[in-house]
Amino acid sequence: MKELIEYIAKAIVDKPEEVKVTEVPSENGIILRLQVAPEDTGKVIGKEGRIAKAMRTLLRVAAIRKGTRATLEII
């Protein structure tokens, strides 16, 4: 799941070397924290949050297939 978010984020941003995804376990599953360069934050979020929502949907589907829950936080 971490690799999925990292792959999508690197394809969107201008500085893929600054993409960083960390996994944090929680009582409800896994929290993935996505960090990008400050100027790329808008690209990852998208207009009206559409790209972020799509990434969260894909993450949710991947987590369900593995039998767990996952959430995405964009820092």
Protein backbone atom coordinates (compact mmCIF):
# COMPACT_ATOMS: atom_id res chain seq x y z
CA MET A 1 0.00 0.00 0.00
CA LYS A 2 2.89 2.32 0.78
CA GLU A 3 4.37 1.60 -2.65
CA LEU A 4 1.06 2.40 -4.35
CA ILE A 5 0.79 5.86 -2.80
CA GLU A 6 4.47 6.55 -3.44
CA TYR A 7 4.13 5.55 -7.11
CA ILE A 8 1.06 7.75 -7.68
CA ALA A 9 2.58 10.75 -5.88
CA LYS A 10 5.88 10.52 -7.79
CA ALA A 11 3.99 10.50 -11.08
CA ILE A 12 2.12 13.71 -10.18
CA VAL A 13 4.74 15.98 -8.60
CA ASP A 14 7.58 17.99 -10.14
CA LYS A 15 10.13 16.86 -7.54
CA PRO A 16 9.66 13.08 -7.15
CA GLU A 17 12.85 12.76 -5.10
CA GLU A 18 11.16 14.66 -2.24
CA VAL A 19 8.18 12.28 -2.00
CA LYS A 20 8.20 10.48 1.34
CA VAL A 21 5.58 8.02 2.60
CA THR A 22 5.68 6.72 6.16
CA GLU A 23 3.50 4.04 7.72
CA VAL A 24 2.20 4.56 11.24
CA PRO A 25 0.27 1.71 12.87
CA SER A 26 -2.92 2.65 14.69
CA GLU A 27 -5.71 0.82 16.45
CA ASN A 28 -7.89 1.10 13.32
CA GLY A 29 -5.25 -0.13 10.85
CA ILE A 30 -2.50 1.82 9.16
CA ILE A 31 -2.06 5.56 8.65
CA LEU A 32 0.04 6.52 5.65
CA ARG A 33 1.58 9.98 5.84
CA LEU A 34 2.54 11.53 2.52
CA GLN A 35 5.10 14.34 2.45
CA VAL A 36 5.96 16.24 -0.72
CA ALA A 37 7.79 19.47 -1.53
CA PRO A 38 5.80 22.56 -0.45
CA GLU A 39 5.25 23.67 -4.04
CA ASP A 40 3.87 20.23 -4.98
CA THR A 41 1.25 20.05 -2.23
CA GLY A 42 -1.42 21.60 -4.45
CA LYS A 43 -0.75 19.08 -7.20
CA VAL A 44 -1.20 16.16 -4.83
CA ILE A 45 -4.43 17.60 -3.41
CA GLY A 46 -5.85 18.68 -6.78
CA LYS A 47 -8.78 20.94 -7.56
CA GLU A 48 -11.38 20.65 -4.82
CA GLY A 49 -9.41 17.72 -3.41
CA ARG A 50 -10.19 15.38 -6.29
CA ILE A 51 -6.75 13.80 -6.61
CA ALA A 52 -6.44 13.30 -2.85
CA LYS A 53 -9.90 11.74 -2.78
CA ALA A 54 -8.99 9.39 -5.64
CA MET A 55 -5.77 8.36 -3.88
CA ARG A 56 -7.70 7.66 -0.69
CA THR A 57 -10.23 5.56 -2.61
CA LEU A 58 -7.48 3.47 -4.23
CA LEU A 59 -5.79 3.06 -0.86
CA ARG A 60 -9.05 1.96 0.75
CA VAL A 61 -9.59 -0.68 -1.96
CA ALA A 62 -6.02 -1.99 -1.61
CA ALA A 63 -6.43 -2.17 2.18
CA ILE A 64 -9.71 -4.06 1.94
CA ARG A 65 -8.06 -6.60 -0.36
CA LYS A 66 -5.43 -7.17 2.34
CA GLY A 67 -8.06 -7.35 5.07
CA THR A 68 -7.10 -4.19 6.92
CA ARG A 69 -7.97 -0.49 7.06
CA ALA A 70 -5.78 2.37 5.87
CA THR A 71 -6.05 6.13 5.82
CA LEU A 72 -4.00 8.75 4.01
CA GLU A 73 -2.75 11.97 5.53
CA ILE A 74 -1.13 14.59 3.31
CA ILE A 75 1.40 16.66 5.23
